[in-house]
Amino acid sequence: MKQKSHSGAKKRVKKTGRGTFIVQKSCKNHLLVNKSKRQKKLNKKGKVAEAPQQKILAKLIS
């Protein structure tokens, strides 16, 4: 039987054109009123998953 893709991983991870994965950084969803501008600015872009994680993410998404 074919293995299903992990729907939780599909919602949280995005695959780029080069094949790397972008994961949303933490501390950027709620309670933003209490956080400083600097703290929010540091979290602007997503972070690229590291090499060992990319193999695992590729299995989960495909």
PDB file of N, CA and C in Angstrom:
ATOM      1  N   MET A   1       0.839  -1.174   0.000  1.00  0.00           N
ATOM      2  CA  MET A   1       0.000   0.000   0.000  1.00  0.00           C
ATOM      3  C   MET A   1       0.889   1.243   0.000  1.00  0.00           C
ATOM      4  N   LYS A   2       0.480   2.237  -0.746  1.00  0.00           N
ATOM      5  CA  LYS A   2       1.254   3.477  -0.850  1.00  0.00           C
ATOM      6  C   LYS A   2       1.128   4.285   0.435  1.00  0.00           C
ATOM      7  N   GLN A   3       2.250   4.864   0.860  1.00  0.00           N
ATOM      8  CA  GLN A   3       2.244   5.669   2.077  1.00  0.00           C
ATOM      9  C   GLN A   3       1.690   7.051   1.791  1.00  0.00           C
ATOM     10  N   LYS A   4       0.838   7.537   2.697  1.00  0.00           N
ATOM     11  CA  LYS A   4       0.242   8.861   2.523  1.00  0.00           C
ATOM     12  C   LYS A   4       1.235   9.942   2.960  1.00  0.00           C
ATOM     13  N   SER A   5       1.104  11.121   2.351  1.00  0.00           N
ATOM     14  CA  SER A   5       1.939  12.241   2.770  1.00  0.00           C
ATOM     15  C   SER A   5       1.395  12.790   4.088  1.00  0.00           C
ATOM     16  N   HIS A   6       2.279  13.346   4.875  1.00  0.00           N
ATOM     17  CA  HIS A   6       1.929  13.838   6.207  1.00  0.00           C
ATOM     18  C   HIS A   6       1.253  15.197   6.068  1.00  0.00           C
ATOM     19  N   SER A   7      -0.045  15.265   6.370  1.00  0.00           N
ATOM     20  CA  SER A   7      -0.792  16.502   6.136  1.00  0.00           C
ATOM     21  C   SER A   7      -0.355  17.615   7.078  1.00  0.00           C
ATOM     22  N   GLY A   8       0.133  17.276   8.269  1.00  0.00           N
ATOM     23  CA  GLY A   8       0.641  18.287   9.193  1.00  0.00           C
ATOM     24  C   GLY A   8       1.902  18.934   8.659  1.00  0.00           C
ATOM     25  N   ALA A   9       2.761  18.140   8.034  1.00  0.00           N
ATOM     26  CA  ALA A   9       4.006  18.662   7.459  1.00  0.00           C
ATOM     27  C   ALA A   9       3.708  19.532   6.241  1.00  0.00           C
ATOM     28  N   LYS A  10       2.706  19.159   5.465  1.00  0.00           N
ATOM     29  CA  LYS A  10       2.346  19.951   4.285  1.00  0.00           C
ATOM     30  C   LYS A  10       1.924  21.357   4.658  1.00  0.00           C
ATOM     31  N   LYS A  11       1.271  21.495   5.815  1.00  0.00           N
ATOM     32  CA  LYS A  11       0.792  22.805   6.250  1.00  0.00           C
ATOM     33  C   LYS A  11       1.915  23.685   6.794  1.00  0.00           C
ATOM     34  N   ARG A  12       2.975  23.075   7.316  1.00  0.00           N
ATOM     35  CA  ARG A  12       4.007  23.822   8.018  1.00  0.00           C
ATOM     36  C   ARG A  12       5.277  24.064   7.218  1.00  0.00           C
ATOM     37  N   VAL A  13       5.468  23.323   6.150  1.00  0.00           N
ATOM     38  CA  VAL A  13       6.725  23.360   5.409  1.00  0.00           C
ATOM     39  C   VAL A  13       6.452  23.689   3.949  1.00  0.00           C
ATOM     40  N   LYS A  14       7.330  24.501   3.356  1.00  0.00           N
ATOM     41  CA  LYS A  14       7.194  24.857   1.950  1.00  0.00           C
ATOM     42  C   LYS A  14       8.476  24.474   1.216  1.00  0.00           C
ATOM     43  N   LYS A  15       8.329  23.826   0.082  1.00  0.00           N
ATOM     44  CA  LYS A  15       9.491  23.430  -0.704  1.00  0.00           C
ATOM     45  C   LYS A  15       9.804  24.522  -1.724  1.00  0.00           C
ATOM     46  N   THR A  16      11.076  24.923  -1.806  1.00  0.00           N
ATOM     47  CA  THR A  16      11.490  25.967  -2.737  1.00  0.00           C
ATOM     48  C   THR A  16      11.825  25.364  -4.094  1.00  0.00           C
ATOM     49  N   GLY A  17      12.126  26.206  -5.048  1.00  0.00           N
ATOM     50  CA  GLY A  17      12.477  25.744  -6.385  1.00  0.00           C
ATOM     51  C   GLY A  17      13.754  24.933  -6.426  1.00  0.00           C
ATOM     52  N   ARG A  18      14.681  25.233  -5.531  1.00  0.00           N
ATOM     53  CA  ARG A  18      15.955  24.502  -5.479  1.00  0.00           C
ATOM     54  C   ARG A  18      15.846  23.185  -4.742  1.00  0.00           C
ATOM     55  N   GLY A  19      14.711  22.947  -4.121  1.00  0.00           N
ATOM     56  CA  GLY A  19      14.521  21.686  -3.420  1.00  0.00           C
ATOM     57  C   GLY A  19      14.766  21.766  -1.925  1.00  0.00           C
ATOM     58  N   THR A  20      15.129  22.943  -1.415  1.00  0.00           N
ATOM     59  CA  THR A  20      15.281  23.083   0.030  1.00  0.00           C
ATOM     60  C   THR A  20      13.918  23.378   0.645  1.00  0.00           C
ATOM     61  N   PHE A  21      13.840  23.298   1.939  1.00  0.00           N
ATOM     62  CA  PHE A  21      12.576  23.488   2.632  1.00  0.00           C
ATOM     63  C   PHE A  21      12.642  24.708   3.529  1.00  0.00           C
ATOM     64  N   ILE A  22      11.579  25.506   3.523  1.00  0.00           N
ATOM     65  CA  ILE A  22      11.478  26.670   4.387  1.00  0.00           C
ATOM     66  C   ILE A  22      10.461  26.358   5.473  1.00  0.00           C
ATOM     67  N   VAL A  23      10.880  26.599   6.716  1.00  0.00           N
ATOM     68  CA  VAL A  23      10.044  26.357   7.873  1.00  0.00           C
ATOM     69  C   VAL A  23       9.775  27.696   8.537  1.00  0.00           C
ATOM     70  N   GLN A  24       8.563  27.920   8.982  1.00  0.00           N
ATOM     71  CA  GLN A  24       8.229  29.174   9.646  1.00  0.00           C
ATOM     72  C   GLN A  24       8.956  29.259  10.978  1.00  0.00           C
ATOM     73  N   LYS A  25       9.488  30.440  11.281  1.00  0.00           N
ATOM     74  CA  LYS A  25      10.176  30.635  12.551  1.00  0.00           C
ATOM     75  C   LYS A  25       9.165  30.737  13.686  1.00  0.00           C
ATOM     76  N   SER A  26       9.638  30.476  14.871  1.00  0.00           N
ATOM     77  CA  SER A  26       8.766  30.520  16.039  1.00  0.00           C
ATOM     78  C   SER A  26       8.603  31.951  16.541  1.00  0.00           C
ATOM     79  N   CYS A  27       7.703  32.141  17.473  1.00  0.00           N
ATOM     80  CA  CYS A  27       7.443  33.426  18.155  1.00  0.00           C
ATOM     81  C   CYS A  27       6.934  34.499  17.199  1.00  0.00           C
ATOM     82  N   LYS A  28       6.162  34.160  16.197  1.00  0.00           N
ATOM     83  CA  LYS A  28       5.711  35.139  15.206  1.00  0.00           C
ATOM     84  C   LYS A  28       4.204  35.063  14.984  1.00  0.00           C
ATOM     85  N   ASN A  29       3.484  34.312  15.809  1.00  0.00           N
ATOM     86  CA  ASN A  29       2.067  34.101  15.538  1.00  0.00           C
ATOM     87  C   ASN A  29       1.125  34.968  16.365  1.00  0.00           C
ATOM     88  N   HIS A  30       1.344  35.029  17.654  1.00  0.00           N
ATOM     89  CA  HIS A  30       0.391  35.738  18.509  1.00  0.00           C
ATOM     90  C   HIS A  30       1.138  36.465  19.615  1.00  0.00           C
ATOM     91  N   LEU A  31       0.416  37.288  20.365  1.00  0.00           N
ATOM     92  CA  LEU A  31       0.993  38.117  21.425  1.00  0.00           C
ATOM     93  C   LEU A  31       2.074  39.052  20.894  1.00  0.00           C
ATOM     94  N   LEU A  32       1.860  39.574  19.689  1.00  0.00           N
ATOM     95  CA  LEU A  32       2.858  40.430  19.055  1.00  0.00           C
ATOM     96  C   LEU A  32       2.896  41.824  19.661  1.00  0.00           C
ATOM     97  N   VAL A  33       1.853  42.213  20.372  1.00  0.00           N
ATOM     98  CA  VAL A  33       1.809  43.538  21.002  1.00  0.00           C
ATOM     99  C   VAL A  33       2.888  43.647  22.078  1.00  0.00           C
ATOM    100  N   ASN A  34       3.139  42.562  22.767  1.00  0.00           N
ATOM    101  CA  ASN A  34       4.101  42.565  23.869  1.00  0.00           C
ATOM    102  C   ASN A  34       5.543  42.451  23.402  1.00  0.00           C
ATOM    103  N   LYS A  35       5.776  42.111  22.150  1.00  0.00           N
ATOM    104  CA  LYS A  35       7.133  41.881  21.661  1.00  0.00           C
ATOM    105  C   LYS A  35       7.705  43.145  21.026  1.00  0.00           C
ATOM    106  N   SER A  36       9.003  43.313  21.158  1.00  0.00           N
ATOM    107  CA  SER A  36       9.659  44.507  20.632  1.00  0.00           C
ATOM    108  C   SER A  36       9.746  44.450  19.107  1.00  0.00           C
ATOM    109  N   LYS A  37       9.997  45.615  18.497  1.00  0.00           N
ATOM    110  CA  LYS A  37      10.139  45.667  17.042  1.00  0.00           C
ATOM    111  C   LYS A  37      11.319  44.818  16.590  1.00  0.00           C
ATOM    112  N   ARG A  38      12.388  44.872  17.372  1.00  0.00           N
ATOM    113  CA  ARG A  38      13.592  44.117  17.031  1.00  0.00           C
ATOM    114  C   ARG A  38      13.306  42.619  17.025  1.00  0.00           C
ATOM    115  N   GLN A  39      12.571  42.170  18.001  1.00  0.00           N
ATOM    116  CA  GLN A  39      12.244  40.754  18.107  1.00  0.00           C
ATOM    117  C   GLN A  39      11.396  40.304  16.917  1.00  0.00           C
ATOM    118  N   LYS A  40      10.469  41.157  16.499  1.00  0.00           N
ATOM    119  CA  LYS A  40       9.602  40.809  15.364  1.00  0.00           C
ATOM    120  C   LYS A  40      10.358  40.893  14.047  1.00  0.00           C
ATOM    121  N   LYS A  41      11.282  41.844  13.947  1.00  0.00           N
ATOM    122  CA  LYS A  41      12.046  42.031  12.720  1.00  0.00           C
ATOM    123  C   LYS A  41      12.990  40.855  12.460  1.00  0.00           C
ATOM    124  N   LEU A  42      13.541  40.289  13.526  1.00  0.00           N
ATOM    125  CA  LEU A  42      14.463  39.166  13.393  1.00  0.00           C
ATOM    126  C   LEU A  42      13.779  37.941  12.796  1.00  0.00           C
ATOM    127  N   ASN A  43      12.485  37.858  12.979  1.00  0.00           N
ATOM    128  CA  ASN A  43      11.752  36.668  12.547  1.00  0.00           C
ATOM    129  C   ASN A  43      11.067  36.843  11.192  1.00  0.00           C
ATOM    130  N   LYS A  44      11.502  37.829  10.388  1.00  0.00           N
ATOM    131  CA  LYS A  44      10.769  38.126   9.153  1.00  0.00           C
ATOM    132  C   LYS A  44      10.667  36.937   8.211  1.00  0.00           C
ATOM    133  N   LYS A  45      11.786  36.401   7.795  1.00  0.00           N
ATOM    134  CA  LYS A  45      11.758  35.322   6.808  1.00  0.00           C
ATOM    135  C   LYS A  45      11.830  33.963   7.478  1.00  0.00           C
ATOM    136  N   GLY A  46      11.401  32.951   6.750  1.00  0.00           N
ATOM    137  CA  GLY A  46      11.465  31.596   7.271  1.00  0.00           C
ATOM    138  C   GLY A  46      12.888  31.099   7.286  1.00  0.00           C
ATOM    139  N   LYS A  47      13.127  30.062   8.031  1.00  0.00           N
ATOM    140  CA  LYS A  47      14.473  29.534   8.085  1.00  0.00           C
ATOM    141  C   LYS A  47      14.546  28.247   7.289  1.00  0.00           C
ATOM    142  N   VAL A  48      15.669  28.042   6.647  1.00  0.00           N
ATOM    143  CA  VAL A  48      15.865  26.852   5.822  1.00  0.00           C
ATOM    144  C   VAL A  48      16.195  25.698   6.742  1.00  0.00           C
ATOM    145  N   ALA A  49      15.544  24.590   6.529  1.00  0.00           N
ATOM    146  CA  ALA A  49      15.794  23.406   7.337  1.00  0.00           C
ATOM    147  C   ALA A  49      17.197  22.871   7.050  1.00  0.00           C
ATOM    148  N   GLU A  50      17.827  22.294   8.044  1.00  0.00           N
ATOM    149  CA  GLU A  50      19.181  21.776   7.893  1.00  0.00           C
ATOM    150  C   GLU A  50      19.165  20.471   7.116  1.00  0.00           C
ATOM    151  N   ALA A  51      20.335  20.051   6.644  1.00  0.00           N
ATOM    152  CA  ALA A  51      20.451  18.902   5.732  1.00  0.00           C
ATOM    153  C   ALA A  51      19.809  17.617   6.262  1.00  0.00           C
ATOM    154  N   PRO A  52      20.075  17.192   7.507  1.00  0.00           N
ATOM    155  CA  PRO A  52      19.428  15.950   7.962  1.00  0.00           C
ATOM    156  C   PRO A  52      17.910  16.062   8.016  1.00  0.00           C
ATOM    157  N   GLN A  53      17.417  17.253   8.348  1.00  0.00           N
ATOM    158  CA  GLN A  53      15.971  17.453   8.424  1.00  0.00           C
ATOM    159  C   GLN A  53      15.348  17.430   7.039  1.00  0.00           C
ATOM    160  N   GLN A  54      16.098  17.878   6.029  1.00  0.00           N
ATOM    161  CA  GLN A  54      15.535  17.956   4.674  1.00  0.00           C
ATOM    162  C   GLN A  54      15.189  16.571   4.141  1.00  0.00           C
ATOM    163  N   LYS A  55      15.983  15.571   4.461  1.00  0.00           N
ATOM    164  CA  LYS A  55      15.684  14.207   4.011  1.00  0.00           C
ATOM    165  C   LYS A  55      14.382  13.709   4.635  1.00  0.00           C
ATOM    166  N   ILE A  56      14.218  14.011   5.921  1.00  0.00           N
ATOM    167  CA  ILE A  56      13.008  13.587   6.623  1.00  0.00           C
ATOM    168  C   ILE A  56      11.790  14.313   6.075  1.00  0.00           C
ATOM    169  N   LEU A  57      11.929  15.635   5.838  1.00  0.00           N
ATOM    170  CA  LEU A  57      10.805  16.421   5.307  1.00  0.00           C
ATOM    171  C   LEU A  57      10.414  15.964   3.915  1.00  0.00           C
ATOM    172  N   ALA A  58      11.396  15.605   3.100  1.00  0.00           N
ATOM    173  CA  ALA A  58      11.101  15.131   1.748  1.00  0.00           C
ATOM    174  C   ALA A  58      10.256  13.861   1.788  1.00  0.00           C
ATOM    175  N   LYS A  59      10.555  12.971   2.745  1.00  0.00           N
ATOM    176  CA  LYS A  59       9.768  11.752   2.885  1.00  0.00           C
ATOM    177  C   LYS A  59       8.354  12.049   3.352  1.00  0.00           C
ATOM    178  N   LEU A  60       8.238  13.004   4.286  1.00  0.00           N
ATOM    179  CA  LEU A  60       6.920  13.300   4.842  1.00  0.00           C
ATOM    180  C   LEU A  60       6.002  13.945   3.803  1.00  0.00           C
ATOM    181  N   ILE A  61       6.552  14.822   2.988  1.00  0.00           N
ATOM    182  CA  ILE A  61       5.718  15.573   2.026  1.00  0.00           C
ATOM    183  C   ILE A  61       5.377  14.737   0.802  1.00  0.00           C
ATOM    184  N   SER A  62       6.327  13.945   0.321  1.00  0.00           N
ATOM    185  CA  SER A  62       6.051  13.178  -0.910  1.00  0.00           C
ATOM    186  C   SER A  62       5.294  11.902  -0.653  1.00  0.00           C
TER     187      SER A  62
END
